[in-house]
Amino acid sequence: MKFVTFYNPDGHLRAGWLEGDRVIDMNLASNGDLPDNMADFMKDNKEYMLTLKKLEDQMEHPSFSLEEIRLTAPLPRPVSFRDFVAFETHVKNATKRSGDTVAPEWYEMPIFYFSNPNSMKGPGEEVKRPSKCIRLDYELELACVIGKEGKNIQADEAEDYIFGYTILNDWSARDIQMKEMKVLLGPAKGKDFATSIGPYLITKEELESYRVGDKYDLEMTASVNGEILSRGNFKDIFYSFGEMIERASEEVTLYPGDIIGSGTVGFGCIMELGPDVHRWLEPGDEVELTITGLGSLKNKIV
């Protein structure tokens, strides 16, 4: 299934799912048995999915066309947001640009940082370039959403804890980020102004046909103003989501609604491509990320 959060024709924020090109309000379709928001749905998603299965047998549901509503981030306020750096090519490219080499510790464990769960943007939403930034960048990523509470989860058990997946754009103010990281505390203000996810949250079963071992064969592209700049494939990731979940849950409880980002696919940002390929993003630019099976996520810079 493809879950969405949207503003209905009356301007109210609602949760639902896509059925073809129609959006179904889950609370309305279930006569109140399902919540009207994805945060509450995720808290008890196992039971709610049973209710949804019964609804699927019905021939018709009250629905809206995509033209009648406005999609926003499928999970507008996740419980938490951890973003990993799990693609080796990206790490090699980034360290080379700064004149460094990959730290040996990167090969010992998946590394992540915490970002802002309250600054999520959805498809079609504008992203404001920070006032102190002149080196704005996109980052082409895939994210998983945790569906079951767990602690000290092993990598080979992690599949049971994943609810689904979505496209993620980890917007980066590179000039601000680089200054911060000189203090060895990682990115903060260089990242927390915006993160885009969407256009929907797809359940993991929908991607089974693309599975390759513990990864997926998913083409990933990023374009600016209609020109494709980045191409990659998720199957090239060094650490699987299972390994990322094992690391994230070490001595810590993960909860339904937590988001875990994969990090940038190789050559999946302007920093890696270099100024000869494209300048930094500016107001008026439109960035579109596309991943096989997960649709396209488009945002305009203002």
C-alpha atoms as a PDB file:
ATOM      1  CA  MET A   1       0.000   0.000   0.000  1.00  0.00           C
ATOM      2  CA  LYS A   2       0.977   3.617  -0.512  1.00  0.00           C
ATOM      3  CA  PHE A   3       0.164   5.784   2.497  1.00  0.00           C
ATOM      4  CA  VAL A   4      -0.148   9.560   2.216  1.00  0.00           C
ATOM      5  CA  THR A   5      -0.850  12.615   4.307  1.00  0.00           C
ATOM      6  CA  PHE A   6      -2.826  15.327   2.549  1.00  0.00           C
ATOM      7  CA  TYR A   7      -4.890  18.461   2.861  1.00  0.00           C
ATOM      8  CA  ASN A   8      -8.471  17.662   1.844  1.00  0.00           C
ATOM      9  CA  PRO A   9     -10.618  20.116  -0.176  1.00  0.00           C
ATOM     10  CA  ASP A  10     -11.675  21.772   3.106  1.00  0.00           C
ATOM     11  CA  GLY A  11      -8.054  22.395   4.040  1.00  0.00           C
ATOM     12  CA  HIS A  12      -7.884  19.827   6.825  1.00  0.00           C
ATOM     13  CA  LEU A  13      -4.809  17.632   7.250  1.00  0.00           C
ATOM     14  CA  ARG A  14      -5.747  13.960   6.843  1.00  0.00           C
ATOM     15  CA  ALA A  15      -4.149  10.533   6.420  1.00  0.00           C
ATOM     16  CA  GLY A  16      -5.025   7.962   3.806  1.00  0.00           C
ATOM     17  CA  TRP A  17      -3.772   5.779   0.997  1.00  0.00           C
ATOM     18  CA  LEU A  18      -3.526   5.860  -2.764  1.00  0.00           C
ATOM     19  CA  GLU A  19      -5.693   3.651  -4.903  1.00  0.00           C
ATOM     20  CA  GLY A  20      -4.681   4.299  -8.498  1.00  0.00           C
ATOM     21  CA  ASP A  21      -4.971   8.053  -8.944  1.00  0.00           C
ATOM     22  CA  ARG A  22      -7.466   8.435  -6.099  1.00  0.00           C
ATOM     23  CA  VAL A  23      -6.744   9.317  -2.470  1.00  0.00           C
ATOM     24  CA  ILE A  24      -8.814   7.607   0.208  1.00  0.00           C
ATOM     25  CA  ASP A  25      -9.280   9.224   3.628  1.00  0.00           C
ATOM     26  CA  MET A  26      -8.702   6.305   6.035  1.00  0.00           C
ATOM     27  CA  ASN A  27     -10.721   7.798   8.884  1.00  0.00           C
ATOM     28  CA  LEU A  28     -13.659   8.549   6.611  1.00  0.00           C
ATOM     29  CA  ALA A  29     -13.541   5.203   4.802  1.00  0.00           C
ATOM     30  CA  SER A  30     -13.459   3.270   8.090  1.00  0.00           C
ATOM     31  CA  ASN A  31     -16.225   5.302   9.773  1.00  0.00           C
ATOM     32  CA  GLY A  32     -13.764   6.383  12.452  1.00  0.00           C
ATOM     33  CA  ASP A  33     -12.137   3.015  13.117  1.00  0.00           C
ATOM     34  CA  LEU A  34      -8.840   4.294  11.684  1.00  0.00           C
ATOM     35  CA  PRO A  35      -7.127   7.515  12.852  1.00  0.00           C
ATOM     36  CA  ASP A  36      -7.041  10.704  10.828  1.00  0.00           C
ATOM     37  CA  ASN A  37      -3.251  11.076  11.016  1.00  0.00           C
ATOM     38  CA  MET A  38      -0.223   8.892  10.254  1.00  0.00           C
ATOM     39  CA  ALA A  39       1.455   9.454  13.626  1.00  0.00           C
ATOM     40  CA  ASP A  40      -1.389   7.705  15.445  1.00  0.00           C
ATOM     41  CA  PHE A  41      -1.646   5.084  12.712  1.00  0.00           C
ATOM     42  CA  MET A  42       2.020   4.180  13.121  1.00  0.00           C
ATOM     43  CA  LYS A  43       1.719   3.752  16.901  1.00  0.00           C
ATOM     44  CA  ASP A  44      -0.625   0.786  16.441  1.00  0.00           C
ATOM     45  CA  ASN A  45      -0.062  -0.016  12.773  1.00  0.00           C
ATOM     46  CA  LYS A  46      -0.214  -3.809  13.172  1.00  0.00           C
ATOM     47  CA  GLU A  47      -3.831  -3.725  14.370  1.00  0.00           C
ATOM     48  CA  TYR A  48      -4.797  -0.941  11.981  1.00  0.00           C
ATOM     49  CA  MET A  49      -3.435  -2.902   9.032  1.00  0.00           C
ATOM     50  CA  LEU A  50      -5.871  -5.697   9.884  1.00  0.00           C
ATOM     51  CA  THR A  51      -8.708  -3.171   9.680  1.00  0.00           C
ATOM     52  CA  LEU A  52      -7.361  -1.955   6.342  1.00  0.00           C
ATOM     53  CA  LYS A  53      -7.305  -5.481   4.935  1.00  0.00           C
ATOM     54  CA  LYS A  54     -11.032  -5.753   5.638  1.00  0.00           C
ATOM     55  CA  LEU A  55     -11.656  -2.393   3.964  1.00  0.00           C
ATOM     56  CA  GLU A  56      -9.788  -3.521   0.853  1.00  0.00           C
ATOM     57  CA  ASP A  57     -12.498  -6.118   0.217  1.00  0.00           C
ATOM     58  CA  GLN A  58     -15.070  -3.354  -0.204  1.00  0.00           C
ATOM     59  CA  MET A  59     -15.774  -2.337  -3.765  1.00  0.00           C
ATOM     60  CA  GLU A  60     -15.793   1.422  -3.278  1.00  0.00           C
ATOM     61  CA  HIS A  61     -14.472   3.991  -0.821  1.00  0.00           C
ATOM     62  CA  PRO A  62     -15.101   7.739  -0.559  1.00  0.00           C
ATOM     63  CA  SER A  63     -12.116   9.271  -2.318  1.00  0.00           C
ATOM     64  CA  PHE A  64     -10.574  12.396  -3.824  1.00  0.00           C
ATOM     65  CA  SER A  65      -8.700  12.948  -7.042  1.00  0.00           C
ATOM     66  CA  LEU A  66      -5.114  14.130  -6.756  1.00  0.00           C
ATOM     67  CA  GLU A  67      -6.253  17.446  -8.230  1.00  0.00           C
ATOM     68  CA  GLU A  68      -8.674  17.983  -5.332  1.00  0.00           C
ATOM     69  CA  ILE A  69      -6.119  17.582  -2.550  1.00  0.00           C
ATOM     70  CA  ARG A  70      -2.545  18.607  -1.727  1.00  0.00           C
ATOM     71  CA  LEU A  71      -0.027  16.005  -0.630  1.00  0.00           C
ATOM     72  CA  THR A  72       2.411  16.793   2.142  1.00  0.00           C
ATOM     73  CA  ALA A  73       5.097  14.698   3.890  1.00  0.00           C
ATOM     74  CA  PRO A  74       3.600  11.215   4.405  1.00  0.00           C
ATOM     75  CA  LEU A  75       4.827  11.278   8.022  1.00  0.00           C
ATOM     76  CA  PRO A  76       4.856  15.010   8.831  1.00  0.00           C
ATOM     77  CA  ARG A  77       6.387  14.678  12.308  1.00  0.00           C
ATOM     78  CA  PRO A  78       8.276  11.409  12.738  1.00  0.00           C
ATOM     79  CA  VAL A  79       9.195  10.321  16.256  1.00  0.00           C
ATOM     80  CA  SER A  80      12.882  10.737  15.436  1.00  0.00           C
ATOM     81  CA  PHE A  81      15.117  11.020  12.374  1.00  0.00           C
ATOM     82  CA  ARG A  82      18.524   9.369  12.055  1.00  0.00           C
ATOM     83  CA  ASP A  83      20.438   9.757   8.812  1.00  0.00           C
ATOM     84  CA  PHE A  84      23.242   7.307   8.030  1.00  0.00           C
ATOM     85  CA  VAL A  85      26.114   7.572   5.575  1.00  0.00           C
ATOM     86  CA  ALA A  86      25.985   4.043   4.148  1.00  0.00           C
ATOM     87  CA  PHE A  87      27.185   4.374   0.526  1.00  0.00           C
ATOM     88  CA  GLU A  88      30.951   3.897   0.200  1.00  0.00           C
ATOM     89  CA  THR A  89      31.186   5.831  -3.073  1.00  0.00           C
ATOM     90  CA  HIS A  90      29.621   8.895  -1.473  1.00  0.00           C
ATOM     91  CA  VAL A  91      32.041   8.752   1.453  1.00  0.00           C
ATOM     92  CA  LYS A  92      35.042   8.365  -0.850  1.00  0.00           C
ATOM     93  CA  ASN A  93      33.917  11.252  -3.057  1.00  0.00           C
ATOM     94  CA  ALA A  94      33.164  13.556  -0.121  1.00  0.00           C
ATOM     95  CA  THR A  95      36.463  12.913   1.665  1.00  0.00           C
ATOM     96  CA  LYS A  96      38.409  13.294  -1.567  1.00  0.00           C
ATOM     97  CA  ARG A  97      36.825  16.713  -2.134  1.00  0.00           C
ATOM     98  CA  SER A  98      38.045  17.826   1.280  1.00  0.00           C
ATOM     99  CA  GLY A  99      41.506  16.364   0.737  1.00  0.00           C
ATOM    100  CA  ASP A 100      41.035  13.515   3.205  1.00  0.00           C
ATOM    101  CA  THR A 101      40.671   9.735   3.016  1.00  0.00           C
ATOM    102  CA  VAL A 102      37.921   7.521   4.386  1.00  0.00           C
ATOM    103  CA  ALA A 103      38.366   6.959   8.120  1.00  0.00           C
ATOM    104  CA  PRO A 104      38.958   3.261   8.873  1.00  0.00           C
ATOM    105  CA  GLU A 105      36.238   3.471  11.541  1.00  0.00           C
ATOM    106  CA  TRP A 106      33.664   3.922   8.767  1.00  0.00           C
ATOM    107  CA  TYR A 107      34.227   0.282   7.794  1.00  0.00           C
ATOM    108  CA  GLU A 108      33.752  -0.896  11.376  1.00  0.00           C
ATOM    109  CA  MET A 109      30.161   0.296  11.887  1.00  0.00           C
ATOM    110  CA  PRO A 110      27.367   2.260  10.199  1.00  0.00           C
ATOM    111  CA  ILE A 111      27.619   5.945  11.143  1.00  0.00           C
ATOM    112  CA  PHE A 112      24.661   8.319  11.521  1.00  0.00           C
ATOM    113  CA  TYR A 113      23.680  11.715  12.854  1.00  0.00           C
ATOM    114  CA  PHE A 114      20.400  12.979  14.305  1.00  0.00           C
ATOM    115  CA  SER A 115      18.467  15.588  12.339  1.00  0.00           C
ATOM    116  CA  ASN A 116      15.287  17.591  12.900  1.00  0.00           C
ATOM    117  CA  PRO A 117      12.029  15.544  12.815  1.00  0.00           C
ATOM    118  CA  ASN A 118       9.991  18.747  12.895  1.00  0.00           C
ATOM    119  CA  SER A 119      11.161  20.247   9.592  1.00  0.00           C
ATOM    120  CA  MET A 120       9.793  17.661   7.143  1.00  0.00           C
ATOM    121  CA  LYS A 121       8.670  18.852   3.729  1.00  0.00           C
ATOM    122  CA  GLY A 122       6.465  16.953   1.304  1.00  0.00           C
ATOM    123  CA  PRO A 123       6.056  16.764  -2.466  1.00  0.00           C
ATOM    124  CA  GLY A 124       5.553  20.134  -4.108  1.00  0.00           C
ATOM    125  CA  GLU A 125       6.398  22.092  -0.969  1.00  0.00           C
ATOM    126  CA  GLU A 126       8.811  24.996  -1.203  1.00  0.00           C
ATOM    127  CA  VAL A 127      12.182  24.771   0.534  1.00  0.00           C
ATOM    128  CA  LYS A 128      13.667  28.040   1.759  1.00  0.00           C
ATOM    129  CA  ARG A 129      17.393  28.468   1.315  1.00  0.00           C
ATOM    130  CA  PRO A 130      18.847  29.496   4.708  1.00  0.00           C
ATOM    131  CA  SER A 131      19.705  33.199   4.772  1.00  0.00           C
ATOM    132  CA  LYS A 132      23.386  32.519   5.591  1.00  0.00           C
ATOM    133  CA  CYS A 133      23.766  29.838   2.903  1.00  0.00           C
ATOM    134  CA  ILE A 134      25.093  30.226  -0.630  1.00  0.00           C
ATOM    135  CA  ARG A 135      26.072  26.576  -1.170  1.00  0.00           C
ATOM    136  CA  LEU A 136      22.746  24.755  -1.053  1.00  0.00           C
ATOM    137  CA  ASP A 137      22.761  21.100  -2.090  1.00  0.00           C
ATOM    138  CA  TYR A 138      20.345  18.184  -2.488  1.00  0.00           C
ATOM    139  CA  GLU A 139      21.042  14.615  -1.344  1.00  0.00           C
ATOM    140  CA  LEU A 140      19.460  11.603  -3.076  1.00  0.00           C
ATOM    141  CA  GLU A 141      18.471   9.024  -0.457  1.00  0.00           C
ATOM    142  CA  LEU A 142      16.071   6.243   0.478  1.00  0.00           C
ATOM    143  CA  ALA A 143      14.558   6.041   3.970  1.00  0.00           C
ATOM    144  CA  CYS A 144      12.868   3.309   5.949  1.00  0.00           C
ATOM    145  CA  VAL A 145      10.220   3.863   8.610  1.00  0.00           C
ATOM    146  CA  ILE A 146      10.209   1.735  11.741  1.00  0.00           C
ATOM    147  CA  GLY A 147       6.913  -0.068  12.397  1.00  0.00           C
ATOM    148  CA  LYS A 148       7.580  -2.013  15.610  1.00  0.00           C
ATOM    149  CA  GLU A 149       9.187  -1.113  18.923  1.00  0.00           C
ATOM    150  CA  GLY A 150      12.502  -2.811  19.565  1.00  0.00           C
ATOM    151  CA  LYS A 151      15.858  -2.579  21.296  1.00  0.00           C
ATOM    152  CA  ASN A 152      19.170  -4.285  20.484  1.00  0.00           C
ATOM    153  CA  ILE A 153      17.707  -5.552  17.221  1.00  0.00           C
ATOM    154  CA  GLN A 154      19.955  -7.883  15.236  1.00  0.00           C
ATOM    155  CA  ALA A 155      20.500  -7.176  11.550  1.00  0.00           C
ATOM    156  CA  ASP A 156      18.985 -10.502  10.456  1.00  0.00           C
ATOM    157  CA  GLU A 157      15.837  -9.735  12.485  1.00  0.00           C
ATOM    158  CA  ALA A 158      15.480  -6.100  11.395  1.00  0.00           C
ATOM    159  CA  GLU A 159      13.110  -6.813   8.494  1.00  0.00           C
ATOM    160  CA  ASP A 160      10.328  -7.467  11.022  1.00  0.00           C
ATOM    161  CA  TYR A 161      10.773  -3.938  12.370  1.00  0.00           C
ATOM    162  CA  ILE A 162      10.471  -2.091   9.048  1.00  0.00           C
ATOM    163  CA  PHE A 163       7.044  -0.784   8.098  1.00  0.00           C
ATOM    164  CA  GLY A 164       7.928   0.742   4.742  1.00  0.00           C
ATOM    165  CA  TYR A 165      10.028   3.077   2.633  1.00  0.00           C
ATOM    166  CA  THR A 166      10.004   6.566   1.147  1.00  0.00           C
ATOM    167  CA  ILE A 167      12.245   8.881  -0.887  1.00  0.00           C
ATOM    168  CA  LEU A 168      14.331  11.275   1.206  1.00  0.00           C
ATOM    169  CA  ASN A 169      16.096  14.510   0.245  1.00  0.00           C
ATOM    170  CA  ASP A 170      18.550  15.551   2.939  1.00  0.00           C
ATOM    171  CA  TRP A 171      18.933  19.229   2.002  1.00  0.00           C
ATOM    172  CA  SER A 172      22.383  20.516   2.935  1.00  0.00           C
ATOM    173  CA  ALA A 173      23.771  24.006   3.463  1.00  0.00           C
ATOM    174  CA  ARG A 174      27.335  22.973   2.612  1.00  0.00           C
ATOM    175  CA  ASP A 175      29.058  26.189   3.671  1.00  0.00           C
ATOM    176  CA  ILE A 176      27.402  26.102   7.099  1.00  0.00           C
ATOM    177  CA  GLN A 177      27.926  22.340   7.412  1.00  0.00           C
ATOM    178  CA  MET A 178      31.647  22.519   6.669  1.00  0.00           C
ATOM    179  CA  LYS A 179      32.228  25.158   9.347  1.00  0.00           C
ATOM    180  CA  GLU A 180      30.325  23.139  11.943  1.00  0.00           C
ATOM    181  CA  MET A 181      32.139  19.891  11.230  1.00  0.00           C
ATOM    182  CA  LYS A 182      35.527  21.492  11.865  1.00  0.00           C
ATOM    183  CA  VAL A 183      34.533  21.361  15.528  1.00  0.00           C
ATOM    184  CA  LEU A 184      34.051  17.558  15.161  1.00  0.00           C
ATOM    185  CA  LEU A 185      30.408  17.570  16.228  1.00  0.00           C
ATOM    186  CA  GLY A 186      28.839  16.781  12.884  1.00  0.00           C
ATOM    187  CA  PRO A 187      26.214  18.733  10.937  1.00  0.00           C
ATOM    188  CA  ALA A 188      23.451  20.608  12.730  1.00  0.00           C
ATOM    189  CA  LYS A 189      22.363  23.974  11.308  1.00  0.00           C
ATOM    190  CA  GLY A 190      23.738  22.840   7.975  1.00  0.00           C
ATOM    191  CA  LYS A 191      20.969  20.231   7.857  1.00  0.00           C
ATOM    192  CA  ASP A 192      18.058  20.940  10.191  1.00  0.00           C
ATOM    193  CA  PHE A 193      16.264  23.615   8.161  1.00  0.00           C
ATOM    194  CA  ALA A 194      14.498  21.101   5.871  1.00  0.00           C
ATOM    195  CA  THR A 195      14.268  17.439   4.908  1.00  0.00           C
ATOM    196  CA  SER A 196      11.890  16.282   2.172  1.00  0.00           C
ATOM    197  CA  ILE A 197      10.158  12.896   2.192  1.00  0.00           C
ATOM    198  CA  GLY A 198       7.475  11.405  -0.040  1.00  0.00           C
ATOM    199  CA  PRO A 199       5.469  11.428  -2.153  1.00  0.00           C
ATOM    200  CA  TYR A 200       4.139   8.459  -0.183  1.00  0.00           C
ATOM    201  CA  LEU A 201       5.171   5.828   2.339  1.00  0.00           C
ATOM    202  CA  ILE A 202       5.155   2.449   0.615  1.00  0.00           C
ATOM    203  CA  THR A 203       4.819  -0.783   2.601  1.00  0.00           C
ATOM    204  CA  LYS A 204       7.847  -3.070   2.358  1.00  0.00           C
ATOM    205  CA  GLU A 205       5.899  -5.825   0.576  1.00  0.00           C
ATOM    206  CA  GLU A 206       5.582  -3.529  -2.440  1.00  0.00           C
ATOM    207  CA  LEU A 207       9.355  -3.711  -3.009  1.00  0.00           C
ATOM    208  CA  GLU A 208       9.807  -7.492  -2.741  1.00  0.00           C
ATOM    209  CA  SER A 209      10.087  -7.940  -6.512  1.00  0.00           C
ATOM    210  CA  TYR A 210      13.195  -5.695  -6.441  1.00  0.00           C
ATOM    211  CA  ARG A 211      14.944  -7.548  -3.613  1.00  0.00           C
ATOM    212  CA  VAL A 212      18.567  -8.639  -4.056  1.00  0.00           C
ATOM    213  CA  GLY A 213      19.617 -10.386  -0.849  1.00  0.00           C
ATOM    214  CA  ASP A 214      19.345  -7.818   1.943  1.00  0.00           C
ATOM    215  CA  LYS A 215      19.175  -4.906  -0.503  1.00  0.00           C
ATOM    216  CA  TYR A 216      16.985  -3.724  -3.410  1.00  0.00           C
ATOM    217  CA  ASP A 217      17.692  -3.148  -7.097  1.00  0.00           C
ATOM    218  CA  LEU A 218      16.280   0.376  -7.327  1.00  0.00           C
ATOM    219  CA  GLU A 219      17.417   2.989  -9.841  1.00  0.00           C
ATOM    220  CA  MET A 220      17.853   6.414  -8.247  1.00  0.00           C
ATOM    221  CA  THR A 221      18.056   9.739 -10.089  1.00  0.00           C
ATOM    222  CA  ALA A 222      18.132  13.417  -9.200  1.00  0.00           C
ATOM    223  CA  SER A 223      17.405  16.261 -11.601  1.00  0.00           C
ATOM    224  CA  VAL A 224      17.596  20.030 -11.348  1.00  0.00           C
ATOM    225  CA  ASN A 225      15.266  22.024 -13.592  1.00  0.00           C
ATOM    226  CA  GLY A 226      14.565  18.899 -15.644  1.00  0.00           C
ATOM    227  CA  GLU A 227      18.210  17.931 -16.213  1.00  0.00           C
ATOM    228  CA  ILE A 228      19.326  14.641 -14.641  1.00  0.00           C
ATOM    229  CA  LEU A 229      22.535  15.201 -12.689  1.00  0.00           C
ATOM    230  CA  SER A 230      22.752  12.138 -10.436  1.00  0.00           C
ATOM    231  CA  ARG A 231      22.267   8.436 -11.190  1.00  0.00           C
ATOM    232  CA  GLY A 232      22.773   5.503  -8.843  1.00  0.00           C
ATOM    233  CA  ASN A 233      21.291   2.268  -7.564  1.00  0.00           C
ATOM    234  CA  PHE A 234      20.337   1.341  -4.036  1.00  0.00           C
ATOM    235  CA  LYS A 235      21.810  -2.163  -4.398  1.00  0.00           C
ATOM    236  CA  ASP A 236      25.281  -0.553  -4.313  1.00  0.00           C
ATOM    237  CA  ILE A 237      24.854   0.435  -0.665  1.00  0.00           C
ATOM    238  CA  PHE A 238      27.634  -0.801   1.648  1.00  0.00           C
ATOM    239  CA  TYR A 239      25.526  -1.250   4.797  1.00  0.00           C
ATOM    240  CA  SER A 240      22.011  -2.722   4.609  1.00  0.00           C
ATOM    241  CA  PHE A 241      19.071  -1.212   6.483  1.00  0.00           C
ATOM    242  CA  GLY A 242      19.289  -4.254   8.757  1.00  0.00           C
ATOM    243  CA  GLU A 243      22.814  -3.281   9.742  1.00  0.00           C
ATOM    244  CA  MET A 244      21.764   0.339  10.197  1.00  0.00           C
ATOM    245  CA  ILE A 245      18.858  -0.697  12.433  1.00  0.00           C
ATOM    246  CA  GLU A 246      21.144  -2.924  14.496  1.00  0.00           C
ATOM    247  CA  ARG A 247      23.467   0.026  15.074  1.00  0.00           C
ATOM    248  CA  ALA A 248      20.663   2.523  15.774  1.00  0.00           C
ATOM    249  CA  SER A 249      18.948   0.216  18.288  1.00  0.00           C
ATOM    250  CA  GLU A 250      22.101  -0.666  20.236  1.00  0.00           C
ATOM    251  CA  GLU A 251      21.120  -0.046  23.874  1.00  0.00           C
ATOM    252  CA  VAL A 252      18.345   2.271  22.606  1.00  0.00           C
ATOM    253  CA  THR A 253      14.673   1.637  21.858  1.00  0.00           C
ATOM    254  CA  LEU A 254      13.369   2.356  18.371  1.00  0.00           C
ATOM    255  CA  TYR A 255       9.692   3.259  18.078  1.00  0.00           C
ATOM    256  CA  PRO A 256       7.052   3.076  15.341  1.00  0.00           C
ATOM    257  CA  GLY A 257       7.376   6.256  13.315  1.00  0.00           C
ATOM    258  CA  ASP A 258      11.158   6.596  13.610  1.00  0.00           C
ATOM    259  CA  ILE A 259      12.795   7.395  10.260  1.00  0.00           C
ATOM    260  CA  ILE A 260      16.175   6.036   9.211  1.00  0.00           C
ATOM    261  CA  GLY A 261      17.865   7.527   6.145  1.00  0.00           C
ATOM    262  CA  SER A 262      20.311   5.592   3.989  1.00  0.00           C
ATOM    263  CA  GLY A 263      22.641   8.475   3.305  1.00  0.00           C
ATOM    264  CA  THR A 264      23.453   9.718  -0.170  1.00  0.00           C
ATOM    265  CA  VAL A 265      23.904   7.323  -3.068  1.00  0.00           C
ATOM    266  CA  GLY A 266      27.230   7.678  -4.883  1.00  0.00           C
ATOM    267  CA  PHE A 267      27.332  10.906  -6.935  1.00  0.00           C
ATOM    268  CA  GLY A 268      23.934  11.776  -5.456  1.00  0.00           C
ATOM    269  CA  CYS A 269      24.663  15.419  -4.653  1.00  0.00           C
ATOM    270  CA  ILE A 270      26.290  18.487  -6.191  1.00  0.00           C
ATOM    271  CA  MET A 271      29.198  18.357  -3.740  1.00  0.00           C
ATOM    272  CA  GLU A 272      30.295  15.028  -5.273  1.00  0.00           C
ATOM    273  CA  LEU A 273      29.661  16.079  -8.859  1.00  0.00           C
ATOM    274  CA  GLY A 274      31.652  19.280  -8.562  1.00  0.00           C
ATOM    275  CA  PRO A 275      31.141  22.807  -9.941  1.00  0.00           C
ATOM    276  CA  ASP A 276      32.020  21.704 -13.487  1.00  0.00           C
ATOM    277  CA  VAL A 277      28.789  19.685 -13.572  1.00  0.00           C
ATOM    278  CA  HIS A 278      26.440  22.119 -11.816  1.00  0.00           C
ATOM    279  CA  ARG A 279      26.456  25.236  -9.647  1.00  0.00           C
ATOM    280  CA  TRP A 280      25.004  25.247  -6.136  1.00  0.00           C
ATOM    281  CA  LEU A 281      21.201  25.451  -5.892  1.00  0.00           C
ATOM    282  CA  GLU A 282      19.548  28.856  -6.059  1.00  0.00           C
ATOM    283  CA  PRO A 283      16.029  30.212  -5.503  1.00  0.00           C
ATOM    284  CA  GLY A 284      13.839  29.254  -8.443  1.00  0.00           C
ATOM    285  CA  ASP A 285      15.516  25.864  -8.971  1.00  0.00           C
ATOM    286  CA  GLU A 286      13.308  22.778  -8.970  1.00  0.00           C
ATOM    287  CA  VAL A 287      14.822  19.523  -7.694  1.00  0.00           C
ATOM    288  CA  GLU A 288      13.231  16.145  -8.427  1.00  0.00           C
ATOM    289  CA  LEU A 289      14.322  12.827  -6.912  1.00  0.00           C
ATOM    290  CA  THR A 290      13.044   9.591  -8.454  1.00  0.00           C
ATOM    291  CA  ILE A 291      13.455   6.020  -7.177  1.00  0.00           C
ATOM    292  CA  THR A 292      12.097   2.870  -8.802  1.00  0.00           C
ATOM    293  CA  GLY A 293       8.867   1.817  -7.091  1.00  0.00           C
ATOM    294  CA  LEU A 294       8.728   4.902  -4.873  1.00  0.00           C
ATOM    295  CA  GLY A 295       7.704   7.588  -7.338  1.00  0.00           C
ATOM    296  CA  SER A 296       9.129  11.106  -7.594  1.00  0.00           C
ATOM    297  CA  LEU A 297       9.660  13.818  -5.005  1.00  0.00           C
ATOM    298  CA  LYS A 298       9.822  17.362  -6.327  1.00  0.00           C
ATOM    299  CA  ASN A 299      10.542  20.627  -4.482  1.00  0.00           C
ATOM    300  CA  LYS A 300      11.234  24.214  -5.486  1.00  0.00           C
ATOM    301  CA  ILE A 301      13.883  26.372  -3.834  1.00  0.00           C
ATOM    302  CA  VAL A 302      12.779  29.816  -2.661  1.00  0.00           C
END
